[in-house]
mmCIF file of all heavy atoms, coordinates in Angstrom:
data_MODEL
# 
_entry.id   MODEL 
# 
loop_
_atom_site.group_PDB 
_atom_site.id 
_atom_site.type_symbol 
_atom_site.label_atom_id 
_atom_site.label_alt_id 
_atom_site.label_comp_id 
_atom_site.label_asym_id 
_atom_site.label_entity_id 
_atom_site.label_seq_id 
_atom_site.pdbx_PDB_ins_code 
_atom_site.Cartn_x 
_atom_site.Cartn_y 
_atom_site.Cartn_z 
_atom_site.occupancy 
_atom_site.B_iso_or_equiv 
_atom_site.pdbx_formal_charge 
_atom_site.auth_seq_id 
_atom_site.auth_comp_id 
_atom_site.auth_asym_id 
_atom_site.auth_atom_id 
_atom_site.pdbx_PDB_model_num 
ATOM 1   N N   . TYR A 1 1  ? 0.850   -1.189 0.000   1.00 0.00 ? 1  TYR A N   1 
ATOM 2   C CA  . TYR A 1 1  ? 0.000   0.000  0.000   1.00 0.00 ? 1  TYR A CA  1 
ATOM 3   C C   . TYR A 1 1  ? 0.890   1.244  0.000   1.00 0.00 ? 1  TYR A C   1 
ATOM 4   O O   . TYR A 1 1  ? 1.804   1.373  0.817   1.00 0.00 ? 1  TYR A O   1 
ATOM 5   C CB  . TYR A 1 1  ? -0.903  0.003  1.229   1.00 0.00 ? 1  TYR A CB  1 
ATOM 6   C CG  . TYR A 1 1  ? -2.073  -0.943 1.089   1.00 0.00 ? 1  TYR A CG  1 
ATOM 7   C CD1 . TYR A 1 1  ? -1.873  -2.311 1.011   1.00 0.00 ? 1  TYR A CD1 1 
ATOM 8   C CD2 . TYR A 1 1  ? -3.377  -0.464 1.017   1.00 0.00 ? 1  TYR A CD2 1 
ATOM 9   C CE1 . TYR A 1 1  ? -2.937  -3.181 0.862   1.00 0.00 ? 1  TYR A CE1 1 
ATOM 10  C CE2 . TYR A 1 1  ? -4.457  -1.320 0.873   1.00 0.00 ? 1  TYR A CE2 1 
ATOM 11  C CZ  . TYR A 1 1  ? -4.223  -2.678 0.789   1.00 0.00 ? 1  TYR A CZ  1 
ATOM 12  O OH  . TYR A 1 1  ? -5.282  -3.539 0.639   1.00 0.00 ? 1  TYR A OH  1 
ATOM 13  N N   . TYR A 1 2  ? 0.568   2.147  -0.936  1.00 0.00 ? 2  TYR A N   1 
ATOM 14  C CA  . TYR A 1 2  ? 1.335   3.375  -1.093  1.00 0.00 ? 2  TYR A CA  1 
ATOM 15  C C   . TYR A 1 2  ? 0.444   4.592  -0.870  1.00 0.00 ? 2  TYR A C   1 
ATOM 16  O O   . TYR A 1 2  ? -0.715  4.621  -1.290  1.00 0.00 ? 2  TYR A O   1 
ATOM 17  C CB  . TYR A 1 2  ? 1.907   3.475  -2.502  1.00 0.00 ? 2  TYR A CB  1 
ATOM 18  C CG  . TYR A 1 2  ? 2.866   2.370  -2.874  1.00 0.00 ? 2  TYR A CG  1 
ATOM 19  C CD1 . TYR A 1 2  ? 2.422   1.211  -3.500  1.00 0.00 ? 2  TYR A CD1 1 
ATOM 20  C CD2 . TYR A 1 2  ? 4.224   2.498  -2.609  1.00 0.00 ? 2  TYR A CD2 1 
ATOM 21  C CE1 . TYR A 1 2  ? 3.298   0.200  -3.840  1.00 0.00 ? 2  TYR A CE1 1 
ATOM 22  C CE2 . TYR A 1 2  ? 5.112   1.492  -2.958  1.00 0.00 ? 2  TYR A CE2 1 
ATOM 23  C CZ  . TYR A 1 2  ? 4.643   0.348  -3.577  1.00 0.00 ? 2  TYR A CZ  1 
ATOM 24  O OH  . TYR A 1 2  ? 5.529   -0.642 -3.926  1.00 0.00 ? 2  TYR A OH  1 
ATOM 25  N N   . CYS A 1 3  ? 1.029   5.593  -0.271  1.00 0.00 ? 3  CYS A N   1 
ATOM 26  C CA  . CYS A 1 3  ? 0.407   6.905  -0.155  1.00 0.00 ? 3  CYS A CA  1 
ATOM 27  C C   . CYS A 1 3  ? 1.032   7.798  -1.220  1.00 0.00 ? 3  CYS A C   1 
ATOM 28  O O   . CYS A 1 3  ? 2.251   7.733  -1.457  1.00 0.00 ? 3  CYS A O   1 
ATOM 29  C CB  . CYS A 1 3  ? 0.683   7.448  1.241   1.00 0.00 ? 3  CYS A CB  1 
ATOM 30  S SG  . CYS A 1 3  ? 0.106   9.109  1.541   1.00 0.00 ? 3  CYS A SG  1 
ATOM 31  N N   . ALA A 1 4  ? 0.206   8.618  -1.874  1.00 0.00 ? 4  ALA A N   1 
ATOM 32  C CA  . ALA A 1 4  ? 0.708   9.500  -2.922  1.00 0.00 ? 4  ALA A CA  1 
ATOM 33  C C   . ALA A 1 4  ? 0.062   10.869 -2.803  1.00 0.00 ? 4  ALA A C   1 
ATOM 34  O O   . ALA A 1 4  ? -1.026  11.011 -2.235  1.00 0.00 ? 4  ALA A O   1 
ATOM 35  C CB  . ALA A 1 4  ? 0.415   8.911  -4.294  1.00 0.00 ? 4  ALA A CB  1 
ATOM 36  N N   . ALA A 1 5  ? 0.749   11.871 -3.342  1.00 0.00 ? 5  ALA A N   1 
ATOM 37  C CA  . ALA A 1 5  ? 0.256   13.249 -3.242  1.00 0.00 ? 5  ALA A CA  1 
ATOM 38  C C   . ALA A 1 5  ? 0.510   13.996 -4.533  1.00 0.00 ? 5  ALA A C   1 
ATOM 39  O O   . ALA A 1 5  ? 1.470   13.719 -5.257  1.00 0.00 ? 5  ALA A O   1 
ATOM 40  C CB  . ALA A 1 5  ? 0.936   13.967 -2.075  1.00 0.00 ? 5  ALA A CB  1 
ATOM 41  N N   . ASP A 1 6  ? -0.354  14.963 -4.786  1.00 0.00 ? 6  ASP A N   1 
ATOM 42  C CA  . ASP A 1 6  ? -0.209  15.776 -5.979  1.00 0.00 ? 6  ASP A CA  1 
ATOM 43  C C   . ASP A 1 6  ? -0.827  17.139 -5.721  1.00 0.00 ? 6  ASP A C   1 
ATOM 44  O O   . ASP A 1 6  ? -1.646  17.314 -4.808  1.00 0.00 ? 6  ASP A O   1 
ATOM 45  C CB  . ASP A 1 6  ? -0.904  15.096 -7.165  1.00 0.00 ? 6  ASP A CB  1 
ATOM 46  C CG  . ASP A 1 6  ? -0.179  15.357 -8.473  1.00 0.00 ? 6  ASP A CG  1 
ATOM 47  O OD1 . ASP A 1 6  ? 0.787   16.148 -8.489  1.00 0.00 ? 6  ASP A OD1 1 
ATOM 48  O OD2 . ASP A 1 6  ? -0.585  14.765 -9.499  1.00 0.00 ? 6  ASP A OD2 1 
ATOM 49  N N   . THR A 1 7  ? -0.430  18.102 -6.533  1.00 0.00 ? 7  THR A N   1 
ATOM 50  C CA  . THR A 1 7  ? -0.973  19.447 -6.410  1.00 0.00 ? 7  THR A CA  1 
ATOM 51  C C   . THR A 1 7  ? -1.122  20.030 -7.800  1.00 0.00 ? 7  THR A C   1 
ATOM 52  O O   . THR A 1 7  ? -0.377  19.667 -8.712  1.00 0.00 ? 7  THR A O   1 
ATOM 53  C CB  . THR A 1 7  ? -0.058  20.318 -5.529  1.00 0.00 ? 7  THR A CB  1 
ATOM 54  O OG1 . THR A 1 7  ? -0.700  21.512 -5.165  1.00 0.00 ? 7  THR A OG1 1 
ATOM 55  C CG2 . THR A 1 7  ? 1.271   20.617 -6.227  1.00 0.00 ? 7  THR A CG2 1 
ATOM 56  N N   . PRO A 1 8  ? -2.105  20.926 -8.021  1.00 0.00 ? 8  PRO A N   1 
ATOM 57  C CA  . PRO A 1 8  ? -3.090  21.450 -7.077  1.00 0.00 ? 8  PRO A CA  1 
ATOM 58  C C   . PRO A 1 8  ? -4.104  20.393 -6.661  1.00 0.00 ? 8  PRO A C   1 
ATOM 59  O O   . PRO A 1 8  ? -4.115  19.302 -7.218  1.00 0.00 ? 8  PRO A O   1 
ATOM 60  C CB  . PRO A 1 8  ? -3.758  22.579 -7.873  1.00 0.00 ? 8  PRO A CB  1 
ATOM 61  C CG  . PRO A 1 8  ? -3.627  22.147 -9.291  1.00 0.00 ? 8  PRO A CG  1 
ATOM 62  C CD  . PRO A 1 8  ? -2.297  21.470 -9.375  1.00 0.00 ? 8  PRO A CD  1 
ATOM 63  N N   . PRO A 1 9  ? -4.965  20.714 -5.694  1.00 0.00 ? 9  PRO A N   1 
ATOM 64  C CA  . PRO A 1 9  ? -5.888  19.718 -5.149  1.00 0.00 ? 9  PRO A CA  1 
ATOM 65  C C   . PRO A 1 9  ? -7.082  19.462 -6.069  1.00 0.00 ? 9  PRO A C   1 
ATOM 66  O O   . PRO A 1 9  ? -8.205  19.850 -5.784  1.00 0.00 ? 9  PRO A O   1 
ATOM 67  C CB  . PRO A 1 9  ? -6.319  20.325 -3.816  1.00 0.00 ? 9  PRO A CB  1 
ATOM 68  C CG  . PRO A 1 9  ? -6.218  21.799 -4.027  1.00 0.00 ? 9  PRO A CG  1 
ATOM 69  C CD  . PRO A 1 9  ? -5.012  21.979 -4.910  1.00 0.00 ? 9  PRO A CD  1 
ATOM 70  N N   . TYR A 1 10 ? -6.855  18.773 -7.167  1.00 0.00 ? 10 TYR A N   1 
ATOM 71  C CA  . TYR A 1 10 ? -7.933  18.453 -8.091  1.00 0.00 ? 10 TYR A CA  1 
ATOM 72  C C   . TYR A 1 10 ? -8.821  17.369 -7.476  1.00 0.00 ? 10 TYR A C   1 
ATOM 73  O O   . TYR A 1 10 ? -8.517  16.820 -6.418  1.00 0.00 ? 10 TYR A O   1 
ATOM 74  C CB  . TYR A 1 10 ? -7.357  18.035 -9.444  1.00 0.00 ? 10 TYR A CB  1 
ATOM 75  C CG  . TYR A 1 10 ? -6.294  16.967 -9.392  1.00 0.00 ? 10 TYR A CG  1 
ATOM 76  C CD1 . TYR A 1 10 ? -6.624  15.625 -9.360  1.00 0.00 ? 10 TYR A CD1 1 
ATOM 77  C CD2 . TYR A 1 10 ? -4.937  17.304 -9.412  1.00 0.00 ? 10 TYR A CD2 1 
ATOM 78  C CE1 . TYR A 1 10 ? -5.650  14.650 -9.327  1.00 0.00 ? 10 TYR A CE1 1 
ATOM 79  C CE2 . TYR A 1 10 ? -3.951  16.339 -9.384  1.00 0.00 ? 10 TYR A CE2 1 
ATOM 80  C CZ  . TYR A 1 10 ? -4.324  15.001 -9.342  1.00 0.00 ? 10 TYR A CZ  1 
ATOM 81  O OH  . TYR A 1 10 ? -3.350  14.031 -9.311  1.00 0.00 ? 10 TYR A OH  1 
ATOM 82  N N   . PRO A 1 11 ? -9.945  17.045 -8.109  1.00 0.00 ? 11 PRO A N   1 
ATOM 83  C CA  . PRO A 1 11 ? -10.888 16.094 -7.510  1.00 0.00 ? 11 PRO A CA  1 
ATOM 84  C C   . PRO A 1 11 ? -10.283 14.725 -7.197  1.00 0.00 ? 11 PRO A C   1 
ATOM 85  O O   . PRO A 1 11 ? -9.437  14.213 -7.947  1.00 0.00 ? 11 PRO A O   1 
ATOM 86  C CB  . PRO A 1 11 ? -11.993 15.992 -8.572  1.00 0.00 ? 11 PRO A CB  1 
ATOM 87  C CG  . PRO A 1 11 ? -11.966 17.317 -9.250  1.00 0.00 ? 11 PRO A CG  1 
ATOM 88  C CD  . PRO A 1 11 ? -10.520 17.704 -9.294  1.00 0.00 ? 11 PRO A CD  1 
ATOM 89  N N   . ALA A 1 12 ? -10.756 14.159 -6.101  1.00 0.00 ? 12 ALA A N   1 
ATOM 90  C CA  . ALA A 1 12 ? -10.222 12.886 -5.625  1.00 0.00 ? 12 ALA A CA  1 
ATOM 91  C C   . ALA A 1 12 ? -10.391 11.777 -6.651  1.00 0.00 ? 12 ALA A C   1 
ATOM 92  O O   . ALA A 1 12 ? -9.502  10.942 -6.839  1.00 0.00 ? 12 ALA A O   1 
ATOM 93  C CB  . ALA A 1 12 ? -10.897 12.518 -4.311  1.00 0.00 ? 12 ALA A CB  1 
ATOM 94  N N   . GLU A 1 13 ? -11.534 11.747 -7.322  1.00 0.00 ? 13 GLU A N   1 
ATOM 95  C CA  . GLU A 1 13 ? -11.783 10.680 -8.291  1.00 0.00 ? 13 GLU A CA  1 
ATOM 96  C C   . GLU A 1 13 ? -10.761 10.724 -9.417  1.00 0.00 ? 13 GLU A C   1 
ATOM 97  O O   . GLU A 1 13 ? -10.282 9.682  -9.874  1.00 0.00 ? 13 GLU A O   1 
ATOM 98  C CB  . GLU A 1 13 ? -13.194 10.813 -8.861  1.00 0.00 ? 13 GLU A CB  1 
ATOM 99  C CG  . GLU A 1 13 ? -13.550 9.710  -9.848  1.00 0.00 ? 13 GLU A CG  1 
ATOM 100 C CD  . GLU A 1 13 ? -15.007 9.756  -10.264 1.00 0.00 ? 13 GLU A CD  1 
ATOM 101 O OE1 . GLU A 1 13 ? -15.762 10.587 -9.739  1.00 0.00 ? 13 GLU A OE1 1 
ATOM 102 O OE2 . GLU A 1 13 ? -15.388 8.934  -11.119 1.00 0.00 ? 13 GLU A OE2 1 
ATOM 103 N N   . ALA A 1 14 ? -10.393 11.915 -9.841  1.00 0.00 ? 14 ALA A N   1 
ATOM 104 C CA  . ALA A 1 14 ? -9.408  12.035 -10.912 1.00 0.00 ? 14 ALA A CA  1 
ATOM 105 C C   . ALA A 1 14 ? -8.064  11.466 -10.506 1.00 0.00 ? 14 ALA A C   1 
ATOM 106 O O   . ALA A 1 14 ? -7.358  10.840 -11.297 1.00 0.00 ? 14 ALA A O   1 
ATOM 107 C CB  . ALA A 1 14 ? -9.264  13.502 -11.318 1.00 0.00 ? 14 ALA A CB  1 
ATOM 108 N N   . MET A 1 15 ? -7.704  11.673 -9.255  1.00 0.00 ? 15 MET A N   1 
ATOM 109 C CA  . MET A 1 15 ? -6.418  11.137 -8.806  1.00 0.00 ? 15 MET A CA  1 
ATOM 110 C C   . MET A 1 15 ? -6.431  9.629  -8.809  1.00 0.00 ? 15 MET A C   1 
ATOM 111 O O   . MET A 1 15 ? -5.519  8.976  -9.285  1.00 0.00 ? 15 MET A O   1 
ATOM 112 C CB  . MET A 1 15 ? -6.070  11.645 -7.414  1.00 0.00 ? 15 MET A CB  1 
ATOM 113 C CG  . MET A 1 15 ? -4.674  11.177 -6.977  1.00 0.00 ? 15 MET A CG  1 
ATOM 114 S SD  . MET A 1 15 ? -4.276  11.602 -5.302  1.00 0.00 ? 15 MET A SD  1 
ATOM 115 C CE  . MET A 1 15 ? -2.500  11.618 -5.381  1.00 0.00 ? 15 MET A CE  1 
ATOM 116 N N   . CYS A 1 16 ? -7.467  9.047  -8.255  1.00 0.00 ? 16 CYS A N   1 
ATOM 117 C CA  . CYS A 1 16 ? -7.518  7.598  -8.140  1.00 0.00 ? 16 CYS A CA  1 
ATOM 118 C C   . CYS A 1 16 ? -7.618  6.916  -9.504  1.00 0.00 ? 16 CYS A C   1 
ATOM 119 O O   . CYS A 1 16 ? -7.052  5.843  -9.691  1.00 0.00 ? 16 CYS A O   1 
ATOM 120 C CB  . CYS A 1 16 ? -8.708  7.194  -7.276  1.00 0.00 ? 16 CYS A CB  1 
ATOM 121 S SG  . CYS A 1 16 ? -8.339  7.119  -5.511  1.00 0.00 ? 16 CYS A SG  1 
ATOM 122 N N   . LEU A 1 17 ? -8.323  7.526  -10.426 1.00 0.00 ? 17 LEU A N   1 
ATOM 123 C CA  . LEU A 1 17 ? -8.624  6.847  -11.680 1.00 0.00 ? 17 LEU A CA  1 
ATOM 124 C C   . LEU A 1 17 ? -7.672  7.170  -12.821 1.00 0.00 ? 17 LEU A C   1 
ATOM 125 O O   . LEU A 1 17 ? -7.480  6.345  -13.715 1.00 0.00 ? 17 LEU A O   1 
ATOM 126 C CB  . LEU A 1 17 ? -10.052 7.170  -12.117 1.00 0.00 ? 17 LEU A CB  1 
ATOM 127 C CG  . LEU A 1 17 ? -11.160 6.668  -11.206 1.00 0.00 ? 17 LEU A CG  1 
ATOM 128 C CD1 . LEU A 1 17 ? -12.531 7.001  -11.784 1.00 0.00 ? 17 LEU A CD1 1 
ATOM 129 C CD2 . LEU A 1 17 ? -11.035 5.176  -10.962 1.00 0.00 ? 17 LEU A CD2 1 
ATOM 130 N N   . ALA A 1 18 ? -7.095  8.373  -12.812 1.00 0.00 ? 18 ALA A N   1 
ATOM 131 C CA  . ALA A 1 18 ? -6.391  8.780  -14.022 1.00 0.00 ? 18 ALA A CA  1 
ATOM 132 C C   . ALA A 1 18 ? -5.013  9.376  -13.811 1.00 0.00 ? 18 ALA A C   1 
ATOM 133 O O   . ALA A 1 18 ? -4.189  9.363  -14.721 1.00 0.00 ? 18 ALA A O   1 
ATOM 134 C CB  . ALA A 1 18 ? -7.242  9.787  -14.805 1.00 0.00 ? 18 ALA A CB  1 
ATOM 135 N N   . ALA A 1 19 ? -4.758  9.889  -12.643 1.00 0.00 ? 19 ALA A N   1 
ATOM 136 C CA  . ALA A 1 19 ? -3.534  10.659 -12.456 1.00 0.00 ? 19 ALA A CA  1 
ATOM 137 C C   . ALA A 1 19 ? -2.339  9.777  -12.132 1.00 0.00 ? 19 ALA A C   1 
ATOM 138 O O   . ALA A 1 19 ? -2.487  8.647  -11.668 1.00 0.00 ? 19 ALA A O   1 
ATOM 139 C CB  . ALA A 1 19 ? -3.734  11.687 -11.356 1.00 0.00 ? 19 ALA A CB  1 
ATOM 140 N N   . ILE A 1 20 ? -1.185  10.307 -12.395 1.00 0.00 ? 20 ILE A N   1 
ATOM 141 C CA  . ILE A 1 20 ? 0.072   9.713  -11.926 1.00 0.00 ? 20 ILE A CA  1 
ATOM 142 C C   . ILE A 1 20 ? 0.679   10.738 -10.983 1.00 0.00 ? 20 ILE A C   1 
ATOM 143 O O   . ILE A 1 20 ? 1.327   11.686 -11.421 1.00 0.00 ? 20 ILE A O   1 
ATOM 144 C CB  . ILE A 1 20 ? 1.020   9.413  -13.091 1.00 0.00 ? 20 ILE A CB  1 
ATOM 145 C CG1 . ILE A 1 20 ? 0.348   8.461  -14.081 1.00 0.00 ? 20 ILE A CG1 1 
ATOM 146 C CG2 . ILE A 1 20 ? 2.322   8.804  -12.557 1.00 0.00 ? 20 ILE A CG2 1 
ATOM 147 C CD1 . ILE A 1 20 ? 1.176   8.160  -15.302 1.00 0.00 ? 20 ILE A CD1 1 
ATOM 148 N N   . PRO A 1 21 ? 0.448   10.569 -9.691  1.00 0.00 ? 21 PRO A N   1 
ATOM 149 C CA  . PRO A 1 21 ? 0.911   11.573 -8.726  1.00 0.00 ? 21 PRO A CA  1 
ATOM 150 C C   . PRO A 1 21 ? 2.421   11.793 -8.774  1.00 0.00 ? 21 PRO A C   1 
ATOM 151 O O   . PRO A 1 21 ? 3.183   10.887 -9.102  1.00 0.00 ? 21 PRO A O   1 
ATOM 152 C CB  . PRO A 1 21 ? 0.489   10.981 -7.378  1.00 0.00 ? 21 PRO A CB  1 
ATOM 153 C CG  . PRO A 1 21 ? -0.620  10.038 -7.701  1.00 0.00 ? 21 PRO A CG  1 
ATOM 154 C CD  . PRO A 1 21 ? -0.264  9.467  -9.039  1.00 0.00 ? 21 PRO A CD  1 
ATOM 155 N N   . HIS A 1 22 ? 2.808   12.998 -8.399  1.00 0.00 ? 22 HIS A N   1 
ATOM 156 C CA  . HIS A 1 22 ? 4.228   13.327 -8.421  1.00 0.00 ? 22 HIS A CA  1 
ATOM 157 C C   . HIS A 1 22 ? 4.990   12.743 -7.237  1.00 0.00 ? 22 HIS A C   1 
ATOM 158 O O   . HIS A 1 22 ? 6.169   12.424 -7.349  1.00 0.00 ? 22 HIS A O   1 
ATOM 159 C CB  . HIS A 1 22 ? 4.410   14.847 -8.414  1.00 0.00 ? 22 HIS A CB  1 
ATOM 160 C CG  . HIS A 1 22 ? 4.180   15.481 -9.735  1.00 0.00 ? 22 HIS A CG  1 
ATOM 161 N ND1 . HIS A 1 22 ? 2.938   15.829 -10.201 1.00 0.00 ? 22 HIS A ND1 1 
ATOM 162 C CD2 . HIS A 1 22 ? 5.049   15.822 -10.726 1.00 0.00 ? 22 HIS A CD2 1 
ATOM 163 C CE1 . HIS A 1 22 ? 3.056   16.371 -11.402 1.00 0.00 ? 22 HIS A CE1 1 
ATOM 164 N NE2 . HIS A 1 22 ? 4.311   16.377 -11.754 1.00 0.00 ? 22 HIS A NE2 1 
ATOM 165 N N   . TYR A 1 23 ? 4.316   12.630 -6.099  1.00 0.00 ? 23 TYR A N   1 
ATOM 166 C CA  . TYR A 1 23 ? 5.013   12.253 -4.878  1.00 0.00 ? 23 TYR A CA  1 
ATOM 167 C C   . TYR A 1 23 ? 4.464   10.941 -4.312  1.00 0.00 ? 23 TYR A C   1 
ATOM 168 O O   . TYR A 1 23 ? 3.250   10.748 -4.248  1.00 0.00 ? 23 TYR A O   1 
ATOM 169 C CB  . TYR A 1 23 ? 4.871   13.367 -3.834  1.00 0.00 ? 23 TYR A CB  1 
ATOM 170 C CG  . TYR A 1 23 ? 5.313   14.714 -4.347  1.00 0.00 ? 23 TYR A CG  1 
ATOM 171 C CD1 . TYR A 1 23 ? 4.392   15.669 -4.748  1.00 0.00 ? 23 TYR A CD1 1 
ATOM 172 C CD2 . TYR A 1 23 ? 6.674   15.022 -4.434  1.00 0.00 ? 23 TYR A CD2 1 
ATOM 173 C CE1 . TYR A 1 23 ? 4.806   16.897 -5.230  1.00 0.00 ? 23 TYR A CE1 1 
ATOM 174 C CE2 . TYR A 1 23 ? 7.089   16.256 -4.912  1.00 0.00 ? 23 TYR A CE2 1 
ATOM 175 C CZ  . TYR A 1 23 ? 6.152   17.179 -5.314  1.00 0.00 ? 23 TYR A CZ  1 
ATOM 176 O OH  . TYR A 1 23 ? 6.565   18.404 -5.796  1.00 0.00 ? 23 TYR A OH  1 
ATOM 177 N N   . TRP A 1 24 ? 5.398   10.091 -3.874  1.00 0.00 ? 24 TRP A N   1 
ATOM 178 C CA  . TRP A 1 24 ? 5.038   8.766  -3.384  1.00 0.00 ? 24 TRP A CA  1 
ATOM 179 C C   . TRP A 1 24 ? 5.792   8.433  -2.102  1.00 0.00 ? 24 TRP A C   1 
ATOM 180 O O   . TRP A 1 24 ? 6.930   8.860  -1.916  1.00 0.00 ? 24 TRP A O   1 
ATOM 181 C CB  . TRP A 1 24 ? 5.389   7.705  -4.430  1.00 0.00 ? 24 TRP A CB  1 
ATOM 182 C CG  . TRP A 1 24 ? 4.562   7.782  -5.668  1.00 0.00 ? 24 TRP A CG  1 
ATOM 183 C CD1 . TRP A 1 24 ? 4.783   8.584  -6.749  1.00 0.00 ? 24 TRP A CD1 1 
ATOM 184 C CD2 . TRP A 1 24 ? 3.374   7.045  -5.945  1.00 0.00 ? 24 TRP A CD2 1 
ATOM 185 N NE1 . TRP A 1 24 ? 3.793   8.379  -7.685  1.00 0.00 ? 24 TRP A NE1 1 
ATOM 186 C CE2 . TRP A 1 24 ? 2.923   7.448  -7.220  1.00 0.00 ? 24 TRP A CE2 1 
ATOM 187 C CE3 . TRP A 1 24 ? 2.636   6.092  -5.236  1.00 0.00 ? 24 TRP A CE3 1 
ATOM 188 C CZ2 . TRP A 1 24 ? 1.769   6.918  -7.806  1.00 0.00 ? 24 TRP A CZ2 1 
ATOM 189 C CZ3 . TRP A 1 24 ? 1.496   5.568  -5.826  1.00 0.00 ? 24 TRP A CZ3 1 
ATOM 190 C CH2 . TRP A 1 24 ? 1.068   5.980  -7.097  1.00 0.00 ? 24 TRP A CH2 1 
ATOM 191 N N   . GLY A 1 25 ? 5.133   7.643  -1.268  1.00 0.00 ? 25 GLY A N   1 
ATOM 192 C CA  . GLY A 1 25 ? 5.820   7.069  -0.133  1.00 0.00 ? 25 GLY A CA  1 
ATOM 193 C C   . GLY A 1 25 ? 6.507   5.778  -0.541  1.00 0.00 ? 25 GLY A C   1 
ATOM 194 O O   . GLY A 1 25 ? 6.451   5.357  -1.695  1.00 0.00 ? 25 GLY A O   1 
ATOM 195 N N   . GLN A 1 26 ? 7.119   5.125  0.440   1.00 0.00 ? 26 GLN A N   1 
ATOM 196 C CA  . GLN A 1 26 ? 7.906   3.929  0.163   1.00 0.00 ? 26 GLN A CA  1 
ATOM 197 C C   . GLN A 1 26 ? 7.055   2.664  0.176   1.00 0.00 ? 26 GLN A C   1 
ATOM 198 O O   . GLN A 1 26 ? 7.506   1.609  -0.276  1.00 0.00 ? 26 GLN A O   1 
ATOM 199 C CB  . GLN A 1 26 ? 9.051   3.804  1.180   1.00 0.00 ? 26 GLN A CB  1 
ATOM 200 C CG  . GLN A 1 26 ? 8.665   3.189  2.520   1.00 0.00 ? 26 GLN A CG  1 
ATOM 201 C CD  . GLN A 1 26 ? 7.823   4.109  3.392   1.00 0.00 ? 26 GLN A CD  1 
ATOM 202 O OE1 . GLN A 1 26 ? 7.643   5.294  3.109   1.00 0.00 ? 26 GLN A OE1 1 
ATOM 203 N NE2 . GLN A 1 26 ? 7.295   3.557  4.474   1.00 0.00 ? 26 GLN A NE2 1 
ATOM 204 N N   . GLY A 1 27 ? 5.858   2.742  0.709   1.00 0.00 ? 27 GLY A N   1 
ATOM 205 C CA  . GLY A 1 27 ? 4.956   1.604  0.731   1.00 0.00 ? 27 GLY A CA  1 
ATOM 206 C C   . GLY A 1 27 ? 5.005   0.840  2.038   1.00 0.00 ? 27 GLY A C   1 
ATOM 207 O O   . GLY A 1 27 ? 6.007   0.859  2.762   1.00 0.00 ? 27 GLY A O   1 
ATOM 208 N N   . THR A 1 28 ? 3.904   0.164  2.345   1.00 0.00 ? 28 THR A N   1 
ATOM 209 C CA  . THR A 1 28 ? 3.815   -0.682 3.529   1.00 0.00 ? 28 THR A CA  1 
ATOM 210 C C   . THR A 1 28 ? 3.014   -1.923 3.151   1.00 0.00 ? 28 THR A C   1 
ATOM 211 O O   . THR A 1 28 ? 2.014   -1.840 2.427   1.00 0.00 ? 28 THR A O   1 
ATOM 212 C CB  . THR A 1 28 ? 3.180   0.080  4.710   1.00 0.00 ? 28 THR A CB  1 
ATOM 213 O OG1 . THR A 1 28 ? 3.248   -0.711 5.889   1.00 0.00 ? 28 THR A OG1 1 
ATOM 214 C CG2 . THR A 1 28 ? 1.728   0.444  4.444   1.00 0.00 ? 28 THR A CG2 1 
ATOM 215 N N   . GLN A 1 29 ? 3.461   -3.070 3.621   1.00 0.00 ? 29 GLN A N   1 
ATOM 216 C CA  . GLN A 1 29 ? 2.869   -4.349 3.217   1.00 0.00 ? 29 GLN A CA  1 
ATOM 217 C C   . GLN A 1 29 ? 1.673   -4.689 4.091   1.00 0.00 ? 29 GLN A C   1 
ATOM 218 O O   . GLN A 1 29 ? 1.752   -4.654 5.324   1.00 0.00 ? 29 GLN A O   1 
ATOM 219 C CB  . GLN A 1 29 ? 3.911   -5.464 3.329   1.00 0.00 ? 29 GLN A CB  1 
ATOM 220 C CG  . GLN A 1 29 ? 3.374   -6.853 3.012   1.00 0.00 ? 29 GLN A CG  1 
ATOM 221 C CD  . GLN A 1 29 ? 3.086   -7.049 1.543   1.00 0.00 ? 29 GLN A CD  1 
ATOM 222 O OE1 . GLN A 1 29 ? 3.880   -6.684 0.692   1.00 0.00 ? 29 GLN A OE1 1 
ATOM 223 N NE2 . GLN A 1 29 ? 1.931   -7.643 1.237   1.00 0.00 ? 29 GLN A NE2 1 
# 
C-alpha cells in the first residue's frame, strides 16, 4: 500500500482513476 500526493488539489476521483501523482511514499505491506 502506497500513499501519494499531488498538487493542485484536483478532484479525488481524478487522482484515483487517471492521475500519476508526483510524490510517493515507500509503501507498507
